C-alpha atoms as a PDB file:
ATOM      1  CA  UNK A   1      10.625  14.068  49.156  1.00  0.00           C
ATOM      2  CA  UNK A   2      12.318  17.437  49.522  1.00  0.00           C
ATOM      3  CA  UNK A   3      11.700  19.628  52.571  1.00  0.00           C
ATOM      4  CA  UNK A   4      12.176  23.405  52.448  1.00  0.00           C
ATOM      5  CA  UNK A   5      10.752  26.790  53.468  1.00  0.00           C
ATOM      6  CA  UNK A   6      11.181  28.468  50.078  1.00  0.00           C
ATOM      7  CA  UNK A   7       8.564  31.029  48.996  1.00  0.00           C
ATOM      8  CA  UNK A   8       6.512  29.412  46.243  1.00  0.00           C
ATOM      9  CA  UNK A   9       6.708  30.964  42.775  1.00  0.00           C
ATOM     10  CA  UNK A  10       3.369  32.174  41.406  1.00  0.00           C
ATOM     11  CA  UNK A  11       1.697  29.705  39.068  1.00  0.00           C
ATOM     12  CA  UNK A  12       1.780  30.515  35.352  1.00  0.00           C
ATOM     13  CA  UNK A  13      -1.502  29.257  33.965  1.00  0.00           C
ATOM     14  CA  UNK A  14      -3.169  29.166  30.547  1.00  0.00           C
ATOM     15  CA  UNK A  15      -6.634  28.200  31.766  1.00  0.00           C
ATOM     16  CA  UNK A  16      -8.629  27.089  34.825  1.00  0.00           C
ATOM     17  CA  UNK A  17     -11.277  24.399  35.318  1.00  0.00           C
ATOM     18  CA  UNK A  18     -13.650  23.848  38.269  1.00  0.00           C
ATOM     19  CA  UNK A  19     -13.435  27.401  39.581  1.00  0.00           C
ATOM     20  CA  UNK A  20     -15.382  30.571  38.897  1.00  0.00           C
ATOM     21  CA  UNK A  21     -12.257  32.734  38.910  1.00  0.00           C
ATOM     22  CA  UNK A  22      -8.518  32.151  38.535  1.00  0.00           C
ATOM     23  CA  UNK A  23      -6.683  31.286  41.742  1.00  0.00           C
ATOM     24  CA  UNK A  24      -3.396  32.783  42.874  1.00  0.00           C
ATOM     25  CA  UNK A  25      -1.075  32.104  45.753  1.00  0.00           C
ATOM     26  CA  UNK A  26      -2.094  35.459  47.242  1.00  0.00           C
ATOM     27  CA  UNK A  27      -5.785  34.498  47.119  1.00  0.00           C
ATOM     28  CA  UNK A  28      -4.997  31.270  49.001  1.00  0.00           C
ATOM     29  CA  UNK A  29      -2.825  32.892  51.689  1.00  0.00           C
ATOM     30  CA  UNK A  30      -3.857  31.644  55.122  1.00  0.00           C
ATOM     31  CA  UNK A  31      -4.639  28.143  53.825  1.00  0.00           C
ATOM     32  CA  UNK A  32      -2.461  25.078  53.474  1.00  0.00           C
ATOM     33  CA  UNK A  33      -2.236  24.345  49.740  1.00  0.00           C
ATOM     34  CA  UNK A  34      -1.940  20.860  48.271  1.00  0.00           C
ATOM     35  CA  UNK A  35      -0.754  21.202  44.665  1.00  0.00           C
ATOM     36  CA  UNK A  36      -1.140  17.979  42.649  1.00  0.00           C
ATOM     37  CA  UNK A  37       0.727  18.149  39.339  1.00  0.00           C
ATOM     38  CA  UNK A  38      -0.442  15.544  36.840  1.00  0.00           C
ATOM     39  CA  UNK A  39      -0.890  14.536  33.219  1.00  0.00           C
ATOM     40  CA  UNK A  40      -3.976  12.751  31.891  1.00  0.00           C
ATOM     41  CA  UNK A  41      -1.882   9.993  30.309  1.00  0.00           C
ATOM     42  CA  UNK A  42       0.228   9.343  33.424  1.00  0.00           C
ATOM     43  CA  UNK A  43      -0.755   5.988  34.983  1.00  0.00           C
ATOM     44  CA  UNK A  44       0.566   6.959  38.434  1.00  0.00           C
ATOM     45  CA  UNK A  45      -1.436  10.188  38.325  1.00  0.00           C
ATOM     46  CA  UNK A  46      -4.657   8.386  37.450  1.00  0.00           C
ATOM     47  CA  UNK A  47      -4.234   5.522  39.929  1.00  0.00           C
ATOM     48  CA  UNK A  48      -2.519   7.301  42.841  1.00  0.00           C
ATOM     49  CA  UNK A  49      -2.049  11.084  42.676  1.00  0.00           C
ATOM     50  CA  UNK A  50      -5.486  12.308  41.617  1.00  0.00           C
ATOM     51  CA  UNK A  51      -7.483   9.905  43.829  1.00  0.00           C
ATOM     52  CA  UNK A  52      -5.336  10.992  46.781  1.00  0.00           C
ATOM     53  CA  UNK A  53      -5.940  14.666  45.987  1.00  0.00           C
ATOM     54  CA  UNK A  54      -9.689  13.931  45.849  1.00  0.00           C
ATOM     55  CA  UNK A  55      -9.470  12.244  49.282  1.00  0.00           C
ATOM     56  CA  UNK A  56      -7.661  15.268  50.726  1.00  0.00           C
ATOM     57  CA  UNK A  57     -10.259  17.555  49.151  1.00  0.00           C
ATOM     58  CA  UNK A  58     -13.076  15.498  50.726  1.00  0.00           C
ATOM     59  CA  UNK A  59     -11.389  15.212  54.139  1.00  0.00           C
ATOM     60  CA  UNK A  60     -10.170  18.691  55.028  1.00  0.00           C
ATOM     61  CA  UNK A  61     -12.206  21.880  55.323  1.00  0.00           C
ATOM     62  CA  UNK A  62     -11.871  24.096  52.232  1.00  0.00           C
ATOM     63  CA  UNK A  63     -11.559  27.006  54.662  1.00  0.00           C
ATOM     64  CA  UNK A  64      -8.236  25.543  55.845  1.00  0.00           C
ATOM     65  CA  UNK A  65      -6.879  23.421  52.981  1.00  0.00           C
ATOM     66  CA  UNK A  66      -6.990  24.245  49.276  1.00  0.00           C
ATOM     67  CA  UNK A  67      -6.449  21.379  46.850  1.00  0.00           C
ATOM     68  CA  UNK A  68      -5.350  22.539  43.397  1.00  0.00           C
ATOM     69  CA  UNK A  69      -4.562  20.405  40.379  1.00  0.00           C
ATOM     70  CA  UNK A  70      -1.929  21.438  37.864  1.00  0.00           C
ATOM     71  CA  UNK A  71      -2.148  19.771  34.468  1.00  0.00           C
ATOM     72  CA  UNK A  72       1.456  20.093  33.364  1.00  0.00           C
ATOM     73  CA  UNK A  73       2.073  18.671  29.908  1.00  0.00           C
ATOM     74  CA  UNK A  74       5.671  17.797  29.069  1.00  0.00           C
ATOM     75  CA  UNK A  75       4.994  14.959  26.596  1.00  0.00           C
ATOM     76  CA  UNK A  76       2.214  13.876  24.204  1.00  0.00           C
ATOM     77  CA  UNK A  77       1.297  17.538  23.702  1.00  0.00           C
ATOM     78  CA  UNK A  78      -1.079  16.903  20.791  1.00  0.00           C
ATOM     79  CA  UNK A  79      -3.231  14.466  22.811  1.00  0.00           C
ATOM     80  CA  UNK A  80      -3.631  16.625  25.914  1.00  0.00           C
ATOM     81  CA  UNK A  81      -5.804  19.498  24.786  1.00  0.00           C
ATOM     82  CA  UNK A  82      -8.156  21.541  26.985  1.00  0.00           C
ATOM     83  CA  UNK A  83     -11.128  19.712  25.421  1.00  0.00           C
ATOM     84  CA  UNK A  84      -9.581  16.356  26.356  1.00  0.00           C
ATOM     85  CA  UNK A  85      -8.783  17.612  29.860  1.00  0.00           C
ATOM     86  CA  UNK A  86     -12.342  18.840  30.382  1.00  0.00           C
ATOM     87  CA  UNK A  87     -13.691  15.393  29.440  1.00  0.00           C
ATOM     88  CA  UNK A  88     -11.077  13.693  31.662  1.00  0.00           C
ATOM     89  CA  UNK A  89     -12.010  15.831  34.684  1.00  0.00           C
ATOM     90  CA  UNK A  90     -15.680  15.015  34.134  1.00  0.00           C
ATOM     91  CA  UNK A  91     -15.093  11.266  33.688  1.00  0.00           C
ATOM     92  CA  UNK A  92     -12.858  10.988  36.761  1.00  0.00           C
ATOM     93  CA  UNK A  93     -15.123  13.311  38.793  1.00  0.00           C
ATOM     94  CA  UNK A  94     -12.317  15.706  39.680  1.00  0.00           C
ATOM     95  CA  UNK A  95     -14.055  18.522  41.558  1.00  0.00           C
ATOM     96  CA  UNK A  96     -11.198  20.657  42.879  1.00  0.00           C
ATOM     97  CA  UNK A  97      -9.798  23.554  40.815  1.00  0.00           C
ATOM     98  CA  UNK A  98      -7.393  22.530  38.044  1.00  0.00           C
ATOM     99  CA  UNK A  99      -4.982  24.844  36.246  1.00  0.00           C
ATOM    100  CA  UNK A 100      -3.374  24.194  32.887  1.00  0.00           C
ATOM    101  CA  UNK A 101       0.336  24.974  33.161  1.00  0.00           C
ATOM    102  CA  UNK A 102       1.503  27.638  30.700  1.00  0.00           C
ATOM    103  CA  UNK A 103       3.404  26.019  27.865  1.00  0.00           C
ATOM    104  CA  UNK A 104       6.786  27.355  26.867  1.00  0.00           C
ATOM    105  CA  UNK A 105       7.335  27.634  23.098  1.00  0.00           C
ATOM    106  CA  UNK A 106      11.103  27.368  23.705  1.00  0.00           C
ATOM    107  CA  UNK A 107      10.887  24.130  25.694  1.00  0.00           C
ATOM    108  CA  UNK A 108       8.785  21.001  26.171  1.00  0.00           C
ATOM    109  CA  UNK A 109       8.687  21.779  29.915  1.00  0.00           C
ATOM    110  CA  UNK A 110       5.894  24.203  30.897  1.00  0.00           C
ATOM    111  CA  UNK A 111       6.621  27.261  33.041  1.00  0.00           C
ATOM    112  CA  UNK A 112       5.250  26.246  36.456  1.00  0.00           C
ATOM    113  CA  UNK A 113       6.747  22.759  36.204  1.00  0.00           C
ATOM    114  CA  UNK A 114      10.151  24.308  35.542  1.00  0.00           C
ATOM    115  CA  UNK A 115       9.775  27.014  38.211  1.00  0.00           C
ATOM    116  CA  UNK A 116       8.980  24.364  40.833  1.00  0.00           C
ATOM    117  CA  UNK A 117      11.812  22.051  39.661  1.00  0.00           C
ATOM    118  CA  UNK A 118       9.430  19.154  39.099  1.00  0.00           C
ATOM    119  CA  UNK A 119      11.020  15.963  37.790  1.00  0.00           C
ATOM    120  CA  UNK A 120       7.801  14.552  36.353  1.00  0.00           C
ATOM    121  CA  UNK A 121       4.315  13.498  37.379  1.00  0.00           C
ATOM    122  CA  UNK A 122       2.725  12.822  39.723  1.00  0.00           C
ATOM    123  CA  UNK A 123       4.254  15.553  41.867  1.00  0.00           C
ATOM    124  CA  UNK A 124       2.649  16.738  45.089  1.00  0.00           C
ATOM    125  CA  UNK A 125       3.754  20.012  46.647  1.00  0.00           C
ATOM    126  CA  UNK A 126       2.627  21.250  50.052  1.00  0.00           C
ATOM    127  CA  UNK A 127       2.571  24.974  50.734  1.00  0.00           C
ATOM    128  CA  UNK A 128       2.153  26.365  54.217  1.00  0.00           C
ATOM    129  CA  UNK A 129      -0.332  29.106  55.091  1.00  0.00           C
ATOM    130  CA  UNK A 130       2.371  31.719  54.401  1.00  0.00           C
ATOM    131  CA  UNK A 131       2.855  30.485  50.824  1.00  0.00           C
ATOM    132  CA  UNK A 132       6.158  28.669  51.329  1.00  0.00           C
ATOM    133  CA  UNK A 133       7.016  25.278  49.874  1.00  0.00           C
ATOM    134  CA  UNK A 134       7.238  22.819  52.753  1.00  0.00           C
ATOM    135  CA  UNK A 135       7.213  19.459  50.974  1.00  0.00           C
ATOM    136  CA  UNK A 136       7.937  18.386  47.425  1.00  0.00           C
ATOM    137  CA  UNK A 137       7.109  14.772  46.577  1.00  0.00           C
ATOM    138  CA  UNK A 138       7.691  13.007  43.281  1.00  0.00           C
ATOM    139  CA  UNK A 139       5.730   9.779  42.878  1.00  0.00           C
ATOM    140  CA  UNK A 140       3.495   7.986  45.338  1.00  0.00           C
ATOM    141  CA  UNK A 141       2.879   9.553  48.763  1.00  0.00           C
ATOM    142  CA  UNK A 142       1.462   7.668  51.738  1.00  0.00           C
ATOM    143  CA  UNK A 143      -1.986   8.952  52.779  1.00  0.00           C
ATOM    144  CA  UNK A 144      -0.973   8.687  56.429  1.00  0.00           C
ATOM    145  CA  UNK A 145       2.235  10.684  55.936  1.00  0.00           C
ATOM    146  CA  UNK A 146       0.435  13.313  53.852  1.00  0.00           C
ATOM    147  CA  UNK A 147      -2.363  13.678  56.398  1.00  0.00           C
ATOM    148  CA  UNK A 148       0.200  14.109  59.178  1.00  0.00           C
ATOM    149  CA  UNK A 149       2.078  16.759  57.180  1.00  0.00           C
ATOM    150  CA  UNK A 150      -1.136  18.676  56.497  1.00  0.00           C
ATOM    151  CA  UNK A 151      -2.137  18.467  60.178  1.00  0.00           C
ATOM    152  CA  UNK A 152       1.256  19.845  61.230  1.00  0.00           C
ATOM    153  CA  UNK A 153       0.947  22.744  58.796  1.00  0.00           C
ATOM    154  CA  UNK A 154      -2.592  23.466  60.037  1.00  0.00           C
ATOM    155  CA  UNK A 155      -1.389  23.462  63.659  1.00  0.00           C
ATOM    156  CA  UNK A 156       1.483  25.783  62.718  1.00  0.00           C
ATOM    157  CA  UNK A 157      -0.962  28.160  60.997  1.00  0.00           C
ATOM    158  CA  UNK A 158      -3.249  28.138  64.048  1.00  0.00           C
ATOM    159  CA  UNK A 159      -0.327  29.069  66.314  1.00  0.00           C
ATOM    160  CA  UNK A 160       0.449  32.085  64.096  1.00  0.00           C
ATOM    161  CA  UNK A 161      -3.164  33.300  64.006  1.00  0.00           C
END
């Protein structure tokens, strides 16, 4: 876990799923954002990260907390196409918005993954209501710890309002 108050870089996205229009950090200002970076072929993402993101999505009001998936492909590029991702999201009943990280032709690491200094997947990043990175987790995150962090960020946002 890394704790900071760094303004979050804007996401660089090729495509969106589960949303009528593309999302941006500006459009989510005022909400706590839970960004779950994953790959379809990542066992930890499938067993831990994505189910946790679904629980957060089901638990907190969408007026206060936005859960966003980021499919960030840094290996097995040929297997992880948008068609495969669409089927994966349907099969695993992922209902929150999911972005496809913009690939970089000069590197195997996509743009948003690099801009957020992610080490791999699953990665969970918490943004406060002002759009600053407050937590950066790599790997498994305790539900209790995550819920407490979100509650603190919600209380902080309420104090500012």
